[in-house]
């Protein structure tokens, strides 16, 4: 009787340990996933902070530096200074070959 009670007790303990181990493993996996997510979000936050600093610097330059304003006016709005001439080059267009003529020649 004592042996069967001991086996039942050991069996219950083993089952509880397996259940507890499973719960701990799932929790650890979830924790690891959350840490990876936090790391990714921190990296993204640092990138956004760098971008914000760059934009603040550009705003400051546009408010206080006439050369920065001139650069934007020339690049974005294609403005030119008095007496300047701007040449705009367009890329060459490729000629389309007439495939019908080539196909007829190949059939003969």
N, C-alpha and C. Protein backbone atom coordinates (compact mmCIF):
# COMPACT_ATOMS: atom_id res chain seq x y z
N UNK A 1 0.82 -1.19 0.00
CA UNK A 1 0.00 0.00 0.00
C UNK A 1 0.86 1.25 0.00
N UNK A 2 1.92 1.26 0.82
CA UNK A 2 2.80 2.41 0.88
C UNK A 2 3.54 2.60 -0.44
N UNK A 3 3.89 1.47 -1.12
CA UNK A 3 4.61 1.56 -2.38
C UNK A 3 3.73 2.19 -3.46
N UNK A 4 2.47 1.79 -3.53
CA UNK A 4 1.57 2.33 -4.55
C UNK A 4 1.31 3.81 -4.28
N UNK A 5 1.18 4.18 -3.02
CA UNK A 5 0.99 5.58 -2.66
C UNK A 5 2.23 6.39 -3.05
N UNK A 6 3.40 5.82 -2.84
CA UNK A 6 4.66 6.47 -3.20
C UNK A 6 4.76 6.64 -4.72
N UNK A 7 4.39 5.61 -5.49
CA UNK A 7 4.43 5.70 -6.95
C UNK A 7 3.44 6.75 -7.47
N UNK A 8 2.26 6.78 -6.85
CA UNK A 8 1.26 7.78 -7.25
C UNK A 8 1.78 9.18 -6.95
N UNK A 9 2.38 9.37 -5.79
CA UNK A 9 2.94 10.67 -5.40
C UNK A 9 4.07 11.08 -6.35
N UNK A 10 4.94 10.15 -6.68
CA UNK A 10 6.04 10.43 -7.61
C UNK A 10 5.47 10.75 -9.00
N UNK A 11 4.46 10.00 -9.42
CA UNK A 11 3.82 10.26 -10.72
C UNK A 11 3.21 11.65 -10.79
N UNK A 12 2.52 12.03 -9.71
CA UNK A 12 1.90 13.37 -9.66
C UNK A 12 2.99 14.44 -9.70
N UNK A 13 4.06 14.23 -8.96
CA UNK A 13 5.16 15.20 -8.94
C UNK A 13 5.80 15.32 -10.33
N UNK A 14 6.00 14.20 -11.00
CA UNK A 14 6.59 14.22 -12.34
C UNK A 14 5.67 14.96 -13.31
N UNK A 15 4.37 14.69 -13.23
CA UNK A 15 3.41 15.36 -14.10
C UNK A 15 3.42 16.87 -13.84
N UNK A 16 3.44 17.26 -12.57
CA UNK A 16 3.47 18.68 -12.21
C UNK A 16 4.76 19.34 -12.71
N UNK A 17 5.88 18.62 -12.60
CA UNK A 17 7.16 19.16 -13.09
C UNK A 17 7.14 19.34 -14.61
N UNK A 18 6.54 18.39 -15.31
CA UNK A 18 6.44 18.50 -16.77
C UNK A 18 5.57 19.71 -17.15
N UNK A 19 4.45 19.86 -16.47
CA UNK A 19 3.55 20.99 -16.74
C UNK A 19 4.26 22.30 -16.42
N UNK A 20 4.92 22.37 -15.28
CA UNK A 20 5.64 23.57 -14.88
C UNK A 20 6.77 23.88 -15.87
N UNK A 21 7.49 22.85 -16.29
CA UNK A 21 8.56 23.05 -17.28
C UNK A 21 8.01 23.59 -18.59
N UNK A 22 6.88 23.09 -19.02
CA UNK A 22 6.26 23.55 -20.25
C UNK A 22 5.85 25.02 -20.14
N UNK A 23 5.26 25.37 -19.02
CA UNK A 23 4.85 26.76 -18.79
C UNK A 23 6.07 27.68 -18.78
N UNK A 24 7.12 27.26 -18.09
CA UNK A 24 8.33 28.08 -18.02
C UNK A 24 8.98 28.22 -19.40
N UNK A 25 9.01 27.15 -20.17
CA UNK A 25 9.60 27.22 -21.51
C UNK A 25 8.82 28.18 -22.40
N UNK A 26 7.49 28.10 -22.37
CA UNK A 26 6.67 29.01 -23.16
C UNK A 26 6.88 30.46 -22.73
N UNK A 27 6.96 30.67 -21.42
CA UNK A 27 7.18 32.02 -20.91
C UNK A 27 8.54 32.55 -21.34
N UNK A 28 9.55 31.69 -21.30
CA UNK A 28 10.90 32.10 -21.70
C UNK A 28 10.93 32.43 -23.19
N UNK A 29 10.26 31.63 -23.99
CA UNK A 29 10.21 31.89 -25.44
C UNK A 29 9.51 33.22 -25.72
N UNK A 30 8.43 33.47 -25.01
CA UNK A 30 7.71 34.73 -25.19
C UNK A 30 8.57 35.91 -24.74
N UNK A 31 9.28 35.75 -23.64
CA UNK A 31 10.17 36.80 -23.14
C UNK A 31 11.27 37.11 -24.15
N UNK A 32 11.86 36.07 -24.72
CA UNK A 32 12.92 36.24 -25.72
C UNK A 32 12.37 36.99 -26.94
N UNK A 33 11.17 36.63 -27.37
CA UNK A 33 10.54 37.32 -28.50
C UNK A 33 10.29 38.79 -28.20
N UNK A 34 9.84 39.07 -26.99
CA UNK A 34 9.60 40.45 -26.60
C UNK A 34 10.90 41.25 -26.54
N UNK A 35 11.97 40.62 -26.06
CA UNK A 35 13.26 41.31 -26.00
C UNK A 35 13.76 41.64 -27.41
N UNK A 36 13.58 40.72 -28.34
CA UNK A 36 13.98 40.98 -29.72
C UNK A 36 13.15 42.12 -30.31
N UNK A 37 11.86 42.14 -29.98
CA UNK A 37 10.99 43.21 -30.46
C UNK A 37 11.42 44.55 -29.88
N UNK A 38 11.75 44.57 -28.59
CA UNK A 38 12.20 45.80 -27.94
C UNK A 38 13.50 46.28 -28.58
N UNK A 39 14.42 45.36 -28.86
CA UNK A 39 15.68 45.72 -29.51
C UNK A 39 15.42 46.35 -30.87
N UNK A 40 14.53 45.77 -31.64
CA UNK A 40 14.18 46.32 -32.95
C UNK A 40 13.55 47.69 -32.84
N UNK A 41 12.67 47.87 -31.86
CA UNK A 41 12.02 49.16 -31.67
C UNK A 41 13.02 50.22 -31.19
N UNK A 42 13.98 49.82 -30.35
CA UNK A 42 15.01 50.76 -29.91
C UNK A 42 15.87 51.21 -31.09
N UNK A 43 16.19 50.28 -31.97
CA UNK A 43 16.98 50.61 -33.17
C UNK A 43 16.19 51.59 -34.04
N UNK A 44 14.91 51.30 -34.22
CA UNK A 44 14.05 52.17 -35.02
C UNK A 44 13.94 53.56 -34.38
N UNK A 45 13.85 53.60 -33.05
CA UNK A 45 13.78 54.87 -32.33
C UNK A 45 15.05 55.68 -32.54
N UNK A 46 16.21 55.02 -32.47
CA UNK A 46 17.48 55.72 -32.69
C UNK A 46 17.57 56.26 -34.12
N UNK A 47 17.10 55.49 -35.09
CA UNK A 47 17.09 55.97 -36.47
C UNK A 47 16.20 57.19 -36.62
N UNK A 48 15.03 57.17 -35.99
CA UNK A 48 14.11 58.30 -36.07
C UNK A 48 14.69 59.53 -35.36
N UNK A 49 15.40 59.31 -34.26
CA UNK A 49 16.04 60.44 -33.57
C UNK A 49 17.11 61.07 -34.45
N UNK A 50 17.89 60.24 -35.14
CA UNK A 50 18.90 60.76 -36.05
C UNK A 50 18.26 61.54 -37.19
N UNK A 51 17.18 60.99 -37.71
CA UNK A 51 16.45 61.66 -38.79
C UNK A 51 15.90 63.00 -38.30
N UNK A 52 15.38 63.03 -37.08
CA UNK A 52 14.84 64.26 -36.50
C UNK A 52 15.93 65.31 -36.35
N UNK A 53 17.11 64.90 -35.87
CA UNK A 53 18.22 65.84 -35.73
C UNK A 53 18.64 66.41 -37.08
N UNK A 54 18.68 65.55 -38.10
CA UNK A 54 19.04 66.01 -39.44
C UNK A 54 18.01 67.01 -39.97
N UNK A 55 16.73 66.72 -39.75
CA UNK A 55 15.69 67.64 -40.21
C UNK A 55 15.74 68.96 -39.45
N UNK A 56 16.01 68.92 -38.15
CA UNK A 56 16.15 70.15 -37.36
C UNK A 56 17.32 70.98 -37.87
N UNK A 57 18.41 70.29 -38.24
CA UNK A 57 19.57 71.02 -38.77
C UNK A 57 19.22 71.69 -40.09
N UNK A 58 18.47 70.98 -40.94
CA UNK A 58 18.07 71.56 -42.22
C UNK A 58 17.15 72.76 -42.02
N UNK A 59 16.22 72.66 -41.08
CA UNK A 59 15.32 73.78 -40.79
C UNK A 59 16.12 74.98 -40.29
N UNK A 60 17.06 74.72 -39.41
CA UNK A 60 17.90 75.81 -38.89
C UNK A 60 18.66 76.47 -40.03
N UNK A 61 19.25 75.64 -40.90
CA UNK A 61 20.00 76.18 -42.03
C UNK A 61 19.10 77.01 -42.94
N UNK A 62 17.89 76.54 -43.20
CA UNK A 62 16.98 77.28 -44.07
C UNK A 62 16.54 78.60 -43.44
N UNK A 63 16.49 78.66 -42.12
CA UNK A 63 16.11 79.90 -41.45
C UNK A 63 17.26 80.90 -41.38
N UNK A 64 18.51 80.40 -41.31
CA UNK A 64 19.64 81.28 -41.03
C UNK A 64 20.70 81.35 -42.12
N UNK A 65 20.67 80.48 -43.09
CA UNK A 65 21.74 80.43 -44.10
C UNK A 65 21.17 80.70 -45.49
N UNK A 66 21.50 81.86 -46.07
CA UNK A 66 20.98 82.18 -47.41
C UNK A 66 21.44 81.18 -48.49
N UNK A 67 22.61 80.60 -48.32
CA UNK A 67 23.08 79.61 -49.30
C UNK A 67 22.21 78.36 -49.31
N UNK A 68 21.72 77.96 -48.14
CA UNK A 68 20.83 76.80 -48.07
C UNK A 68 19.51 77.09 -48.79
N UNK A 69 19.01 78.29 -48.61
CA UNK A 69 17.77 78.69 -49.29
C UNK A 69 17.99 78.70 -50.80
N UNK A 70 19.12 79.24 -51.23
CA UNK A 70 19.44 79.28 -52.65
C UNK A 70 19.55 77.87 -53.23
N UNK A 71 20.16 76.96 -52.48
CA UNK A 71 20.30 75.57 -52.95
C UNK A 71 18.94 74.93 -53.15
N UNK A 72 18.04 75.11 -52.20
CA UNK A 72 16.69 74.55 -52.33
C UNK A 72 15.97 75.17 -53.52
N UNK A 73 16.10 76.48 -53.67
CA UNK A 73 15.42 77.17 -54.78
C UNK A 73 15.94 76.65 -56.12
N UNK A 74 17.22 76.39 -56.22
CA UNK A 74 17.78 75.91 -57.48
C UNK A 74 17.40 74.45 -57.75
N UNK A 75 17.50 73.61 -56.73
CA UNK A 75 17.26 72.18 -56.94
C UNK A 75 15.78 71.83 -57.07
N UNK A 76 14.96 72.36 -56.19
CA UNK A 76 13.56 71.95 -56.18
C UNK A 76 12.69 72.78 -57.11
N UNK A 77 12.98 74.06 -57.20
CA UNK A 77 12.10 74.94 -57.98
C UNK A 77 12.73 75.40 -59.29
N UNK A 78 13.95 74.93 -59.57
CA UNK A 78 14.66 75.24 -60.81
C UNK A 78 14.77 76.74 -61.07
N UNK A 79 14.99 77.49 -60.01
CA UNK A 79 15.18 78.92 -60.15
C UNK A 79 16.64 79.21 -60.49
N UNK A 80 16.84 80.32 -61.20
CA UNK A 80 18.20 80.69 -61.59
C UNK A 80 18.45 82.14 -61.20
N UNK A 81 19.72 82.48 -61.08
CA UNK A 81 20.08 83.85 -60.77
C UNK A 81 20.02 84.71 -62.02
N UNK A 82 20.06 86.01 -61.80
CA UNK A 82 19.98 86.94 -62.92
C UNK A 82 21.23 86.79 -63.79
N UNK A 83 21.03 86.64 -65.09
CA UNK A 83 22.13 86.50 -66.02
C UNK A 83 22.61 85.06 -66.20
N UNK A 84 22.05 84.12 -65.49
CA UNK A 84 22.45 82.72 -65.62
C UNK A 84 21.60 82.03 -66.69
N UNK A 85 22.21 81.06 -67.34
CA UNK A 85 21.50 80.27 -68.33
C UNK A 85 21.56 78.81 -67.89
N UNK A 86 20.42 78.13 -67.95
CA UNK A 86 20.35 76.73 -67.54
C UNK A 86 20.06 75.88 -68.77
N UNK A 87 20.84 74.85 -68.93
CA UNK A 87 20.63 73.89 -70.01
C UNK A 87 20.10 72.60 -69.40
N UNK A 88 19.00 72.12 -69.94
CA UNK A 88 18.42 70.87 -69.46
C UNK A 88 18.57 69.83 -70.56
N UNK A 89 19.22 68.74 -70.26
CA UNK A 89 19.42 67.67 -71.22
C UNK A 89 18.42 66.56 -70.98
N UNK A 90 17.75 66.15 -72.04
CA UNK A 90 16.80 65.06 -71.93
C UNK A 90 17.48 63.78 -72.40
N UNK A 91 17.18 62.66 -71.78
CA UNK A 91 17.79 61.40 -72.22
C UNK A 91 17.30 61.02 -73.62
N UNK A 92 18.17 60.35 -74.36
CA UNK A 92 17.79 59.91 -75.71
C UNK A 92 16.71 58.84 -75.62
N UNK A 93 15.79 58.92 -76.56
CA UNK A 93 14.74 57.91 -76.62
C UNK A 93 15.22 56.78 -77.51
N UNK A 94 14.97 55.56 -77.10
CA UNK A 94 15.34 54.41 -77.91
C UNK A 94 14.32 54.22 -79.02
N UNK A 95 14.85 53.90 -80.21
CA UNK A 95 13.95 53.64 -81.32
C UNK A 95 13.42 52.22 -81.21
N UNK A 96 12.13 52.08 -81.47
CA UNK A 96 11.52 50.75 -81.46
C UNK A 96 11.74 50.10 -82.81
N UNK A 97 12.15 48.87 -82.81
CA UNK A 97 12.33 48.14 -84.06
C UNK A 97 10.98 47.58 -84.49
N UNK A 98 10.79 47.59 -85.77
CA UNK A 98 9.54 47.05 -86.31
C UNK A 98 9.68 45.53 -86.39
N UNK A 99 9.05 44.84 -85.47
CA UNK A 99 9.19 43.39 -85.40
C UNK A 99 8.45 42.68 -86.52
N UNK A 100 7.43 43.32 -87.07
CA UNK A 100 6.66 42.68 -88.14
C UNK A 100 7.53 42.50 -89.38
N UNK A 101 8.31 43.50 -89.70
CA UNK A 101 9.18 43.43 -90.87
C UNK A 101 10.23 42.34 -90.65
N UNK A 102 10.79 42.27 -89.47
CA UNK A 102 11.79 41.25 -89.19
C UNK A 102 11.20 39.86 -89.27
N UNK A 103 9.99 39.68 -88.79
CA UNK A 103 9.34 38.38 -88.82
C UNK A 103 9.06 37.93 -90.26
N UNK A 104 8.66 38.85 -91.13
CA UNK A 104 8.36 38.50 -92.53
C UNK A 104 9.63 38.09 -93.26
N UNK A 105 10.73 38.78 -92.96
CA UNK A 105 11.99 38.44 -93.59
C UNK A 105 12.45 37.07 -93.15
N UNK A 106 12.24 36.73 -91.92
CA UNK A 106 12.67 35.45 -91.40
C UNK A 106 11.84 34.30 -91.93
N UNK A 107 10.59 34.52 -92.33
CA UNK A 107 9.71 33.45 -92.81
C UNK A 107 10.03 33.05 -94.24
N UNK A 108 10.54 33.93 -95.05
CA UNK A 108 10.82 33.62 -96.47
C UNK A 108 11.96 32.73 -96.63
